[in-house]
Amino acid sequence: MRPSLPIGRHYKALRTSGGNDETLIPYAGRQMTKNQWALTSKDSIFQMFERAIANYNSGFGIAQPPLPPEKFSVTSGPGKIVLAWETYQGATQNGWEIYRKAKQWQDQQGYELLATLDGAARRYEDKAGEANGPQRGIDYFYYIQAVGDVNNNATGKTPTGVRLKSGRYYTQTYLPPT
């Protein structure tokens, strides 16, 4: 059994080979039973509800992240992939983070931070030939996040000391550039 398999697959493989609900399932350097693994999410769920209640009780006064780009386009050109975006009027951000994922047939990796740009930037070129640049025959997927100030507002039990960022799903691409 490979340790990188998800917990559910581990459990199914153990049941097939004669294991039971008390059999320890190894994953990410830890070993627990099926029920112990399932209950690890309980704390996260309760924390989410506590934060939602605290946010409501504060009059929804939690710190707000910067606005994502209003428009976002990804196009390919000779030897490069061009990302361009426009912001909402009055939007403020300190910078941008661009993420990329390469996907080949039967080969997929996660998104990696590709570039960190100044808040005034509105364009980025992912150039072939540069270190870690795009290569022919590989589909690439992107998203961009607006980066704001460090959150110092603990209202609503929000984590402090971290930079506020817009959601990735506003700009995430689901088709490779053509």
N, C-alpha and C. Protein backbone atom coordinates (compact mmCIF):
# COMPACT_ATOMS: atom_id res chain seq x y z
N MET A 1 0.83 -1.18 0.00
CA MET A 1 0.00 0.00 0.00
C MET A 1 0.88 1.25 0.00
N ARG A 2 0.60 2.23 -0.85
CA ARG A 2 1.38 3.45 -0.93
C ARG A 2 0.87 4.46 0.10
N PRO A 3 1.76 5.12 0.84
CA PRO A 3 1.32 6.08 1.84
C PRO A 3 0.70 7.34 1.24
N SER A 4 0.85 7.57 -0.06
CA SER A 4 0.29 8.77 -0.66
C SER A 4 -1.18 8.60 -1.05
N LEU A 5 -1.71 7.39 -0.91
CA LEU A 5 -3.12 7.18 -1.24
C LEU A 5 -4.02 7.89 -0.23
N PRO A 6 -5.15 8.42 -0.66
CA PRO A 6 -6.08 9.03 0.29
C PRO A 6 -6.57 8.02 1.32
N ILE A 7 -7.00 8.52 2.43
CA ILE A 7 -7.40 7.68 3.56
C ILE A 7 -8.51 6.70 3.17
N GLY A 8 -9.48 7.15 2.38
CA GLY A 8 -10.58 6.27 1.96
C GLY A 8 -10.09 5.07 1.18
N ARG A 9 -9.11 5.29 0.31
CA ARG A 9 -8.56 4.17 -0.45
C ARG A 9 -7.79 3.22 0.46
N HIS A 10 -7.07 3.77 1.43
CA HIS A 10 -6.39 2.93 2.41
C HIS A 10 -7.40 2.03 3.11
N TYR A 11 -8.49 2.64 3.57
CA TYR A 11 -9.51 1.90 4.31
C TYR A 11 -10.10 0.79 3.45
N LYS A 12 -10.43 1.12 2.20
CA LYS A 12 -11.01 0.13 1.31
C LYS A 12 -10.04 -1.03 1.07
N ALA A 13 -8.76 -0.71 0.87
CA ALA A 13 -7.76 -1.75 0.66
C ALA A 13 -7.61 -2.62 1.90
N LEU A 14 -7.66 -2.02 3.09
CA LEU A 14 -7.55 -2.79 4.33
C LEU A 14 -8.75 -3.71 4.51
N ARG A 15 -9.95 -3.20 4.20
CA ARG A 15 -11.16 -4.03 4.33
C ARG A 15 -11.10 -5.21 3.37
N THR A 16 -10.61 -4.99 2.16
CA THR A 16 -10.50 -6.05 1.17
C THR A 16 -9.52 -7.13 1.62
N SER A 17 -8.47 -6.70 2.35
CA SER A 17 -7.45 -7.67 2.77
C SER A 17 -7.71 -8.22 4.17
N GLY A 18 -8.92 -8.03 4.70
CA GLY A 18 -9.28 -8.63 5.98
C GLY A 18 -9.20 -7.70 7.18
N GLY A 19 -8.89 -6.44 6.96
CA GLY A 19 -8.84 -5.48 8.07
C GLY A 19 -10.23 -5.12 8.55
N ASN A 20 -10.30 -4.43 9.70
CA ASN A 20 -11.60 -4.00 10.22
C ASN A 20 -11.52 -2.52 10.61
N ASP A 21 -12.57 -2.02 11.25
CA ASP A 21 -12.62 -0.59 11.61
C ASP A 21 -11.58 -0.19 12.65
N GLU A 22 -10.98 -1.16 13.32
CA GLU A 22 -9.96 -0.85 14.32
C GLU A 22 -8.54 -0.92 13.76
N THR A 23 -8.41 -1.31 12.50
CA THR A 23 -7.09 -1.39 11.87
C THR A 23 -6.55 0.03 11.67
N LEU A 24 -5.28 0.22 12.00
CA LEU A 24 -4.66 1.53 11.85
C LEU A 24 -4.40 1.82 10.38
N ILE A 25 -4.73 3.04 9.96
CA ILE A 25 -4.54 3.48 8.58
C ILE A 25 -3.42 4.51 8.58
N PRO A 26 -2.30 4.21 7.90
CA PRO A 26 -1.20 5.17 7.84
C PRO A 26 -1.46 6.24 6.79
N TYR A 27 -1.18 7.50 7.13
CA TYR A 27 -1.31 8.59 6.18
C TYR A 27 -0.56 9.79 6.73
N ALA A 28 0.24 10.41 5.89
CA ALA A 28 0.98 11.64 6.23
C ALA A 28 1.77 11.49 7.52
N GLY A 29 2.39 10.34 7.71
CA GLY A 29 3.23 10.12 8.87
C GLY A 29 2.50 9.81 10.16
N ARG A 30 1.18 9.65 10.10
CA ARG A 30 0.38 9.32 11.29
C ARG A 30 -0.40 8.04 11.04
N GLN A 31 -0.81 7.39 12.11
CA GLN A 31 -1.64 6.19 12.00
C GLN A 31 -2.82 6.32 12.94
N MET A 32 -4.02 6.18 12.40
CA MET A 32 -5.24 6.23 13.20
C MET A 32 -6.26 5.27 12.58
N THR A 33 -7.31 4.97 13.34
CA THR A 33 -8.39 4.15 12.80
C THR A 33 -9.26 5.01 11.89
N LYS A 34 -10.15 4.35 11.15
CA LYS A 34 -11.05 5.06 10.24
C LYS A 34 -11.84 6.15 10.98
N ASN A 35 -12.43 5.79 12.13
CA ASN A 35 -13.24 6.76 12.87
C ASN A 35 -12.39 7.91 13.42
N GLN A 36 -11.17 7.62 13.85
CA GLN A 36 -10.31 8.69 14.32
C GLN A 36 -9.98 9.67 13.19
N TRP A 37 -9.71 9.13 12.00
CA TRP A 37 -9.46 10.01 10.86
C TRP A 37 -10.69 10.87 10.55
N ALA A 38 -11.87 10.26 10.58
CA ALA A 38 -13.10 11.00 10.28
C ALA A 38 -13.33 12.12 11.29
N LEU A 39 -13.02 11.87 12.55
CA LEU A 39 -13.26 12.88 13.59
C LEU A 39 -12.24 14.01 13.58
N THR A 40 -11.16 13.89 12.81
CA THR A 40 -10.21 15.00 12.75
C THR A 40 -10.83 16.24 12.12
N SER A 41 -11.87 16.07 11.33
CA SER A 41 -12.52 17.22 10.71
C SER A 41 -13.51 17.91 11.65
N LYS A 42 -13.88 17.26 12.75
CA LYS A 42 -14.86 17.82 13.67
C LYS A 42 -14.41 19.16 14.22
N ASP A 43 -13.14 19.27 14.63
CA ASP A 43 -12.63 20.53 15.16
C ASP A 43 -12.73 21.65 14.15
N SER A 44 -12.42 21.35 12.90
CA SER A 44 -12.49 22.37 11.85
C SER A 44 -13.92 22.84 11.64
N ILE A 45 -14.86 21.94 11.68
CA ILE A 45 -16.27 22.30 11.50
C ILE A 45 -16.75 23.19 12.64
N PHE A 46 -16.41 22.81 13.87
CA PHE A 46 -16.82 23.64 15.01
C PHE A 46 -16.15 25.01 14.96
N GLN A 47 -14.88 25.07 14.56
CA GLN A 47 -14.19 26.34 14.45
C GLN A 47 -14.87 27.23 13.40
N MET A 48 -15.30 26.64 12.28
CA MET A 48 -15.99 27.40 11.25
C MET A 48 -17.30 27.99 11.79
N PHE A 49 -18.07 27.19 12.54
CA PHE A 49 -19.32 27.69 13.09
C PHE A 49 -19.07 28.79 14.13
N GLU A 50 -18.04 28.62 14.97
CA GLU A 50 -17.72 29.65 15.96
C GLU A 50 -17.35 30.96 15.29
N ARG A 51 -16.57 30.88 14.21
CA ARG A 51 -16.20 32.10 13.47
C ARG A 51 -17.41 32.74 12.80
N ALA A 52 -18.30 31.92 12.25
CA ALA A 52 -19.51 32.47 11.61
C ALA A 52 -20.38 33.20 12.63
N ILE A 53 -20.54 32.62 13.81
CA ILE A 53 -21.33 33.26 14.87
C ILE A 53 -20.67 34.55 15.33
N ALA A 54 -19.35 34.52 15.53
CA ALA A 54 -18.62 35.72 15.96
C ALA A 54 -18.71 36.81 14.89
N ASN A 55 -18.66 36.44 13.62
CA ASN A 55 -18.79 37.41 12.53
C ASN A 55 -20.19 38.03 12.55
N TYR A 56 -21.20 37.22 12.72
CA TYR A 56 -22.57 37.73 12.80
C TYR A 56 -22.74 38.68 13.99
N ASN A 57 -22.22 38.26 15.16
CA ASN A 57 -22.34 39.09 16.37
C ASN A 57 -21.59 40.40 16.26
N SER A 58 -20.56 40.45 15.41
CA SER A 58 -19.81 41.70 15.22
C SER A 58 -20.46 42.62 14.20
N GLY A 59 -21.61 42.22 13.67
CA GLY A 59 -22.26 43.02 12.63
C GLY A 59 -21.54 42.89 11.30
N PHE A 60 -20.93 41.73 11.08
CA PHE A 60 -20.16 41.44 9.87
C PHE A 60 -19.02 42.43 9.70
N GLY A 61 -18.33 42.74 10.83
CA GLY A 61 -17.26 43.73 10.83
C GLY A 61 -15.87 43.16 10.63
N ILE A 62 -15.76 41.98 10.04
CA ILE A 62 -14.43 41.41 9.84
C ILE A 62 -13.69 42.14 8.72
N ALA A 63 -12.37 42.01 8.74
CA ALA A 63 -11.54 42.64 7.71
C ALA A 63 -11.88 42.04 6.35
N GLN A 64 -11.91 42.89 5.34
CA GLN A 64 -12.25 42.45 3.99
C GLN A 64 -11.01 42.36 3.11
N PRO A 65 -10.90 41.32 2.31
CA PRO A 65 -9.75 41.21 1.41
C PRO A 65 -9.90 42.19 0.25
N PRO A 66 -8.82 42.44 -0.49
CA PRO A 66 -8.94 43.32 -1.66
C PRO A 66 -9.81 42.67 -2.73
N LEU A 67 -10.35 43.49 -3.61
CA LEU A 67 -11.18 42.98 -4.70
C LEU A 67 -10.33 42.23 -5.71
N PRO A 68 -10.86 41.15 -6.27
CA PRO A 68 -10.13 40.45 -7.34
C PRO A 68 -10.19 41.29 -8.61
N PRO A 69 -9.45 40.92 -9.64
CA PRO A 69 -9.58 41.64 -10.91
C PRO A 69 -11.01 41.58 -11.44
N GLU A 70 -11.45 42.66 -12.06
CA GLU A 70 -12.78 42.68 -12.67
C GLU A 70 -12.79 41.83 -13.94
N LYS A 71 -11.71 41.92 -14.72
CA LYS A 71 -11.58 41.13 -15.95
C LYS A 71 -10.21 40.48 -15.93
N PHE A 72 -10.14 39.25 -16.43
CA PHE A 72 -8.90 38.49 -16.45
C PHE A 72 -8.86 37.66 -17.72
N SER A 73 -7.78 37.78 -18.48
CA SER A 73 -7.66 37.00 -19.72
C SER A 73 -6.30 36.33 -19.77
N VAL A 74 -6.28 35.15 -20.37
CA VAL A 74 -5.06 34.39 -20.56
C VAL A 74 -5.04 33.97 -22.03
N THR A 75 -4.02 34.43 -22.76
CA THR A 75 -3.90 34.11 -24.18
C THR A 75 -2.48 33.66 -24.47
N SER A 76 -2.37 32.80 -25.47
CA SER A 76 -1.03 32.34 -25.85
C SER A 76 -0.57 33.10 -27.08
N GLY A 77 0.73 33.26 -27.17
CA GLY A 77 1.35 33.90 -28.31
C GLY A 77 2.64 33.16 -28.62
N PRO A 78 3.38 33.63 -29.59
CA PRO A 78 4.63 32.96 -29.94
C PRO A 78 5.61 32.97 -28.76
N GLY A 79 5.89 31.81 -28.20
CA GLY A 79 6.87 31.70 -27.13
C GLY A 79 6.45 32.25 -25.79
N LYS A 80 5.18 32.51 -25.59
CA LYS A 80 4.75 33.06 -24.30
C LYS A 80 3.25 32.88 -24.10
N ILE A 81 2.85 33.01 -22.84
CA ILE A 81 1.44 33.05 -22.47
C ILE A 81 1.25 34.37 -21.74
N VAL A 82 0.29 35.16 -22.18
CA VAL A 82 0.09 36.50 -21.64
C VAL A 82 -1.13 36.53 -20.73
N LEU A 83 -0.93 37.01 -19.52
CA LEU A 83 -2.02 37.21 -18.57
C LEU A 83 -2.25 38.71 -18.47
N ALA A 84 -3.48 39.14 -18.60
CA ALA A 84 -3.83 40.55 -18.51
C ALA A 84 -5.08 40.69 -17.67
N TRP A 85 -5.17 41.78 -16.91
CA TRP A 85 -6.33 41.98 -16.06
C TRP A 85 -6.62 43.45 -15.87
N GLU A 86 -7.87 43.72 -15.52
CA GLU A 86 -8.34 45.07 -15.19
C GLU A 86 -8.93 45.03 -13.79
N THR A 87 -8.81 46.14 -13.08
CA THR A 87 -9.33 46.18 -11.72
C THR A 87 -10.65 46.94 -11.67
N TYR A 88 -11.37 46.74 -10.61
CA TYR A 88 -12.58 47.52 -10.37
C TYR A 88 -12.17 48.95 -10.05
N GLN A 89 -13.02 49.89 -10.40
CA GLN A 89 -12.75 51.29 -10.09
C GLN A 89 -12.67 51.45 -8.57
N GLY A 90 -11.63 52.08 -8.09
CA GLY A 90 -11.46 52.31 -6.66
C GLY A 90 -10.85 51.14 -5.90
N ALA A 91 -10.55 50.05 -6.58
CA ALA A 91 -9.95 48.89 -5.92
C ALA A 91 -8.52 49.23 -5.47
N THR A 92 -8.17 48.75 -4.30
CA THR A 92 -6.81 48.95 -3.81
C THR A 92 -6.20 47.60 -3.47
N GLN A 93 -4.98 47.42 -3.88
CA GLN A 93 -4.24 46.21 -3.57
C GLN A 93 -2.77 46.59 -3.49
N ASN A 94 -2.05 45.85 -2.68
CA ASN A 94 -0.61 46.10 -2.54
C ASN A 94 0.20 45.32 -3.56
N GLY A 95 -0.38 44.27 -4.09
CA GLY A 95 0.34 43.45 -5.04
C GLY A 95 -0.54 42.37 -5.63
N TRP A 96 0.08 41.53 -6.44
CA TRP A 96 -0.59 40.42 -7.10
C TRP A 96 0.26 39.18 -6.97
N GLU A 97 -0.39 38.04 -6.84
CA GLU A 97 0.29 36.76 -6.87
C GLU A 97 -0.31 35.94 -8.01
N ILE A 98 0.56 35.43 -8.87
CA ILE A 98 0.12 34.63 -10.01
C ILE A 98 0.54 33.19 -9.77
N TYR A 99 -0.42 32.29 -9.94
CA TYR A 99 -0.18 30.86 -9.74
C TYR A 99 -0.40 30.12 -11.05
N ARG A 100 0.37 29.03 -11.23
CA ARG A 100 0.27 28.25 -12.45
C ARG A 100 0.32 26.76 -12.11
N LYS A 101 -0.41 25.99 -12.89
CA LYS A 101 -0.39 24.53 -12.79
C LYS A 101 -0.18 23.98 -14.19
N ALA A 102 0.75 23.03 -14.32
CA ALA A 102 0.99 22.36 -15.59
C ALA A 102 0.30 21.01 -15.55
N LYS A 103 -0.32 20.65 -16.65
CA LYS A 103 -1.00 19.36 -16.71
C LYS A 103 -0.67 18.69 -18.03
N GLN A 104 -0.10 17.51 -17.93
CA GLN A 104 0.14 16.69 -19.09
C GLN A 104 -0.77 15.49 -19.00
N TRP A 105 -0.88 14.77 -20.08
CA TRP A 105 -1.68 13.56 -20.07
C TRP A 105 -1.14 12.65 -18.99
N GLN A 106 -1.97 12.20 -18.08
CA GLN A 106 -1.66 11.33 -16.96
C GLN A 106 -0.63 11.93 -15.99
N ASP A 107 -0.41 13.22 -16.03
CA ASP A 107 0.54 13.84 -15.12
C ASP A 107 -0.04 15.18 -14.66
N GLN A 108 -0.25 15.30 -13.37
CA GLN A 108 -0.83 16.55 -12.87
C GLN A 108 -0.14 16.93 -11.57
N GLN A 109 0.20 18.18 -11.43
CA GLN A 109 0.77 18.69 -10.19
C GLN A 109 -0.09 19.83 -9.70
N GLY A 110 0.17 20.30 -8.49
CA GLY A 110 -0.62 21.38 -7.91
C GLY A 110 -0.17 22.74 -8.41
N TYR A 111 -0.94 23.76 -8.03
CA TYR A 111 -0.59 25.13 -8.40
C TYR A 111 0.64 25.57 -7.62
N GLU A 112 1.50 26.30 -8.30
CA GLU A 112 2.70 26.85 -7.68
C GLU A 112 2.73 28.35 -7.92
N LEU A 113 3.28 29.08 -6.95
CA LEU A 113 3.43 30.53 -7.09
C LEU A 113 4.41 30.79 -8.23
N LEU A 114 3.96 31.50 -9.24
CA LEU A 114 4.76 31.78 -10.42
C LEU A 114 5.43 33.14 -10.32
N ALA A 115 4.68 34.14 -9.85
CA ALA A 115 5.21 35.51 -9.79
C ALA A 115 4.51 36.31 -8.72
N THR A 116 5.24 37.25 -8.15
CA THR A 116 4.70 38.25 -7.22
C THR A 116 4.95 39.60 -7.87
N LEU A 117 3.88 40.36 -8.07
CA LEU A 117 3.98 41.63 -8.78
C LEU A 117 3.51 42.79 -7.93
N ASP A 118 3.91 43.99 -8.32
CA ASP A 118 3.49 45.23 -7.68
C ASP A 118 1.99 45.46 -7.91
N GLY A 119 1.36 46.21 -7.04
CA GLY A 119 -0.08 46.46 -7.13
C GLY A 119 -0.50 47.21 -8.38
N ALA A 120 0.43 47.92 -9.04
CA ALA A 120 0.10 48.68 -10.25
C ALA A 120 0.15 47.81 -11.50
N ALA A 121 0.68 46.60 -11.41
CA ALA A 121 0.81 45.73 -12.59
C ALA A 121 -0.57 45.34 -13.13
N ARG A 122 -0.66 45.20 -14.44
CA ARG A 122 -1.91 44.78 -15.09
C ARG A 122 -1.66 43.74 -16.17
N ARG A 123 -0.40 43.23 -16.22
CA ARG A 123 -0.03 42.28 -17.27
C ARG A 123 1.17 41.46 -16.80
N TYR A 124 1.19 40.20 -17.23
CA TYR A 124 2.34 39.35 -16.95
C TYR A 124 2.53 38.42 -18.14
N GLU A 125 3.79 38.23 -18.55
CA GLU A 125 4.11 37.32 -19.65
C GLU A 125 4.89 36.13 -19.09
N ASP A 126 4.33 34.95 -19.28
CA ASP A 126 4.97 33.70 -18.90
C ASP A 126 5.72 33.24 -20.14
N LYS A 127 7.03 33.49 -20.17
CA LYS A 127 7.82 33.30 -21.40
C LYS A 127 8.50 31.95 -21.45
N ALA A 128 8.40 31.32 -22.63
CA ALA A 128 9.14 30.08 -22.88
C ALA A 128 10.62 30.42 -22.94
N GLY A 129 11.44 29.48 -22.56
CA GLY A 129 12.88 29.71 -22.61
C GLY A 129 13.45 30.24 -21.31
N GLU A 130 12.62 30.82 -20.47
CA GLU A 130 13.08 31.27 -19.16
C GLU A 130 13.00 30.10 -18.19
N ALA A 131 13.71 30.22 -17.07
CA ALA A 131 13.67 29.17 -16.06
C ALA A 131 12.22 28.89 -15.67
N ASN A 132 11.81 27.66 -15.72
CA ASN A 132 10.45 27.24 -15.40
C ASN A 132 9.40 27.85 -16.32
N GLY A 133 9.79 28.31 -17.50
CA GLY A 133 8.83 28.87 -18.45
C GLY A 133 7.97 27.78 -19.06
N PRO A 134 6.89 28.16 -19.74
CA PRO A 134 6.00 27.16 -20.35
C PRO A 134 6.70 26.41 -21.47
N GLN A 135 6.29 25.16 -21.67
CA GLN A 135 6.86 24.31 -22.70
C GLN A 135 5.75 23.85 -23.65
N ARG A 136 6.12 23.63 -24.88
CA ARG A 136 5.16 23.14 -25.88
C ARG A 136 4.61 21.78 -25.46
N GLY A 137 3.34 21.54 -25.74
CA GLY A 137 2.73 20.25 -25.49
C GLY A 137 2.18 20.07 -24.09
N ILE A 138 2.29 21.09 -23.27
CA ILE A 138 1.78 21.01 -21.90
C ILE A 138 0.69 22.06 -21.73
N ASP A 139 -0.43 21.66 -21.17
CA ASP A 139 -1.51 22.61 -20.89
C ASP A 139 -1.23 23.30 -19.56
N TYR A 140 -1.43 24.61 -19.52
CA TYR A 140 -1.20 25.39 -18.31
C TYR A 140 -2.50 26.06 -17.87
N PHE A 141 -2.66 26.14 -16.56
CA PHE A 141 -3.84 26.75 -15.96
C PHE A 141 -3.35 27.78 -14.94
N TYR A 142 -4.06 28.88 -14.83
CA TYR A 142 -3.60 30.00 -14.01
C TYR A 142 -4.70 30.53 -13.11
N TYR A 143 -4.30 31.24 -12.08
CA TYR A 143 -5.17 32.14 -11.35
C TYR A 143 -4.33 33.25 -10.75
N ILE A 144 -4.98 34.36 -10.45
CA ILE A 144 -4.30 35.52 -9.88
C ILE A 144 -5.06 35.96 -8.63
N GLN A 145 -4.32 36.40 -7.62
CA GLN A 145 -4.94 36.89 -6.39
C GLN A 145 -4.43 38.30 -6.12
N ALA A 146 -5.36 39.18 -5.75
CA ALA A 146 -4.98 40.50 -5.26
C ALA A 146 -4.51 40.34 -3.82
N VAL A 147 -3.41 40.99 -3.46
CA VAL A 147 -2.84 40.90 -2.12
C VAL A 147 -3.01 42.24 -1.43
N GLY A 148 -3.56 42.21 -0.22
CA GLY A 148 -3.80 43.43 0.54
C GLY A 148 -2.89 43.55 1.74
N ASP A 149 -3.38 44.26 2.74
CA ASP A 149 -2.63 44.50 3.96
C ASP A 149 -2.63 43.27 4.86
N VAL A 150 -1.77 43.30 5.86
CA VAL A 150 -1.75 42.26 6.88
C VAL A 150 -2.97 42.48 7.78
N ASN A 151 -3.71 41.42 8.08
CA ASN A 151 -4.89 41.55 8.93
C ASN A 151 -4.47 41.69 10.39
N ASN A 152 -4.86 42.80 11.00
CA ASN A 152 -4.63 43.01 12.43
C ASN A 152 -5.94 43.09 13.19
N ASN A 153 -7.04 42.79 12.52
CA ASN A 153 -8.38 42.90 13.08
C ASN A 153 -8.87 41.50 13.46
N ALA A 154 -8.93 41.22 14.76
CA ALA A 154 -9.34 39.89 15.22
C ALA A 154 -10.86 39.76 15.34
N THR A 155 -11.60 40.77 14.90
CA THR A 155 -13.06 40.70 14.95
C THR A 155 -13.54 39.44 14.25
N GLY A 156 -14.50 38.77 14.83
CA GLY A 156 -15.06 37.58 14.22
C GLY A 156 -14.12 36.39 14.28
N LYS A 157 -13.14 36.46 15.16
CA LYS A 157 -12.16 35.38 15.33
C LYS A 157 -11.39 35.10 14.04
N THR A 158 -11.14 36.13 13.24
CA THR A 158 -10.36 35.95 12.03
C THR A 158 -8.88 35.88 12.39
N PRO A 159 -8.12 35.07 11.67
CA PRO A 159 -6.69 34.97 11.95
C PRO A 159 -5.98 36.30 11.70
N THR A 160 -5.10 36.70 12.60
CA THR A 160 -4.34 37.94 12.42
C THR A 160 -2.92 37.60 12.00
N GLY A 161 -2.23 38.62 11.51
CA GLY A 161 -0.84 38.44 11.11
C GLY A 161 -0.65 37.82 9.74
N VAL A 162 -1.72 37.69 8.96
CA VAL A 162 -1.62 37.14 7.61
C VAL A 162 -2.12 38.17 6.60
N ARG A 163 -1.57 38.14 5.41
CA ARG A 163 -2.02 39.06 4.36
C ARG A 163 -3.40 38.65 3.85
N LEU A 164 -4.23 39.63 3.65
CA LEU A 164 -5.55 39.38 3.07
C LEU A 164 -5.40 39.23 1.55
N LYS A 165 -6.07 38.24 0.99
CA LYS A 165 -6.00 37.98 -0.45
C LYS A 165 -7.39 37.73 -1.00
N SER A 166 -7.58 38.13 -2.25
CA SER A 166 -8.85 37.85 -2.91
C SER A 166 -8.95 36.35 -3.16
N GLY A 167 -10.17 35.87 -3.38
CA GLY A 167 -10.38 34.45 -3.64
C GLY A 167 -9.82 34.05 -5.00
N ARG A 168 -9.25 32.88 -5.08
CA ARG A 168 -8.65 32.40 -6.32
C ARG A 168 -9.69 32.04 -7.37
N TYR A 169 -10.90 31.70 -6.95
CA TYR A 169 -11.89 31.18 -7.88
C TYR A 169 -12.52 32.26 -8.75
N TYR A 170 -12.25 33.53 -8.45
CA TYR A 170 -12.74 34.60 -9.32
C TYR A 170 -11.98 34.61 -10.65
N THR A 171 -10.73 34.14 -10.63
CA THR A 171 -9.90 34.25 -11.83
C THR A 171 -9.31 32.92 -12.29
N GLN A 172 -9.62 31.83 -11.63
CA GLN A 172 -9.01 30.54 -11.99
C GLN A 172 -9.47 30.11 -13.38
N THR A 173 -8.49 29.69 -14.21
CA THR A 173 -8.84 29.23 -15.56
C THR A 173 -9.10 27.73 -15.53
N TYR A 174 -10.05 27.31 -16.35
CA TYR A 174 -10.41 25.90 -16.42
C TYR A 174 -10.12 25.31 -17.80
N LEU A 175 -9.74 26.16 -18.72
CA LEU A 175 -9.32 25.73 -20.06
C LEU A 175 -7.92 26.28 -20.30
N PRO A 176 -7.06 25.53 -20.96
CA PRO A 176 -5.72 26.06 -21.24
C PRO A 176 -5.80 27.17 -22.28
N PRO A 177 -4.81 28.07 -22.30
CA PRO A 177 -4.83 29.13 -23.30
C PRO A 177 -4.69 28.56 -24.70
N THR A 178 -5.31 29.22 -25.65
CA THR A 178 -5.24 28.74 -27.04
C THR A 178 -4.51 29.72 -27.91
